Amino acid sequence: MPQRPSPPAVSSSWSSTPRSHPGPGGTATRTYGSPPPDEVRTSLRLDDGWHTERCDAPERTATGPGGETATVTDNVIAVRRRPA
């Protein structure tokens, strides 16, 4: 059986510098350079034997150990192999 080539590496550079410096009780926004989920799915180079059931980037609110909150975006990719 021939081996499928490895998918290209997905870069995920990010900046830990807040875009703003809020006062007490404020929220800082950070930019994480993760690629969008459709780009990650494409990088997997899946053939027609796979069906994409979900490929999106839902947002949720997360709370840190100090009580600070932030909006977090998760990449969610669900694929299923089609029956032979």
Protein backbone atom coordinates (compact mmCIF):
# COMPACT_ATOMS: atom_id res chain seq x y z
CA MET A 1 0.00 0.00 0.00
CA PRO A 2 1.54 3.35 -1.00
CA GLN A 3 2.07 5.84 1.77
CA ARG A 4 0.21 9.11 1.62
CA PRO A 5 2.49 12.15 1.94
CA SER A 6 2.47 13.92 5.27
CA PRO A 7 0.33 17.03 5.42
CA PRO A 8 2.20 20.33 5.47
CA ALA A 9 2.93 21.83 8.84
CA VAL A 10 0.30 24.29 10.00
CA SER A 11 1.85 27.44 11.36
CA SER A 12 0.44 28.81 14.55
CA SER A 13 2.33 31.90 15.49
CA TRP A 14 0.75 34.18 18.01
CA SER A 15 1.33 37.41 19.80
CA SER A 16 1.04 37.58 23.56
CA THR A 17 0.84 41.36 23.48
CA PRO A 18 -2.64 42.63 24.32
CA ARG A 19 -4.14 45.03 21.78
CA SER A 20 -5.26 47.21 24.64
CA HIS A 21 -4.30 47.72 28.25
CA PRO A 22 -7.56 47.84 30.21
CA GLY A 23 -7.93 49.14 33.72
CA PRO A 24 -9.00 47.00 36.68
CA GLY A 25 -11.84 44.66 35.74
CA GLY A 26 -11.29 45.27 32.01
CA THR A 27 -10.64 42.70 29.31
CA ALA A 28 -7.57 42.47 27.07
CA THR A 29 -7.81 41.00 23.58
CA ARG A 30 -4.98 38.84 22.31
CA THR A 31 -4.46 37.76 18.76
CA TYR A 32 -3.47 34.17 18.13
CA GLY A 33 -2.54 33.55 14.51
CA SER A 34 -4.18 30.15 14.17
CA PRO A 35 -5.37 29.34 10.68
CA PRO A 36 -9.13 29.09 10.10
CA PRO A 37 -10.63 25.58 10.34
CA ASP A 38 -11.31 25.26 6.59
CA GLU A 39 -7.62 25.97 5.92
CA VAL A 40 -6.58 23.31 8.45
CA ARG A 41 -9.01 20.80 6.91
CA THR A 42 -7.60 21.51 3.42
CA SER A 43 -4.06 21.01 4.73
CA LEU A 44 -4.99 17.46 5.76
CA ARG A 45 -5.34 16.58 2.05
CA LEU A 46 -8.15 14.11 2.66
CA ASP A 47 -9.39 12.29 -0.42
CA ASP A 48 -13.04 11.81 -1.48
CA GLY A 49 -13.29 8.90 0.94
CA TRP A 50 -13.88 11.40 3.75
CA HIS A 51 -17.00 13.42 4.55
CA THR A 52 -16.71 16.65 6.56
CA GLU A 53 -19.43 16.64 9.20
CA ARG A 54 -18.37 19.84 10.92
CA CYS A 55 -15.78 22.51 10.18
CA ASP A 56 -16.22 25.74 12.07
CA ALA A 57 -14.85 28.04 14.74
CA PRO A 58 -17.31 28.45 17.63
CA GLU A 59 -16.61 31.04 20.30
CA ARG A 60 -16.97 30.60 24.04
CA THR A 61 -16.18 32.59 27.16
CA ALA A 62 -13.38 31.19 29.31
CA THR A 63 -12.49 32.23 32.85
CA GLY A 64 -8.87 32.23 34.01
CA PRO A 65 -7.57 31.33 37.48
CA GLY A 66 -7.65 34.97 38.55
CA GLY A 67 -11.28 35.40 37.46
CA GLU A 68 -10.42 37.23 34.24
CA THR A 69 -12.56 36.35 31.23
CA ALA A 70 -11.76 36.09 27.55
CA THR A 71 -13.53 35.04 24.39
CA VAL A 72 -11.88 31.90 23.03
CA THR A 73 -12.33 30.58 19.50
CA ASP A 74 -11.96 26.83 19.08
CA ASN A 75 -11.28 25.17 15.73
CA VAL A 76 -13.61 22.18 15.41
CA ILE A 77 -13.11 19.74 12.54
CA ALA A 78 -15.03 16.44 12.42
CA VAL A 79 -14.59 14.09 9.47
CA ARG A 80 -15.94 10.61 8.88
CA ARG A 81 -14.65 7.98 6.47
CA ARG A 82 -17.29 7.09 3.89
CA PRO A 83 -18.34 3.43 3.67
CA ALA A 84 -16.37 1.46 1.08
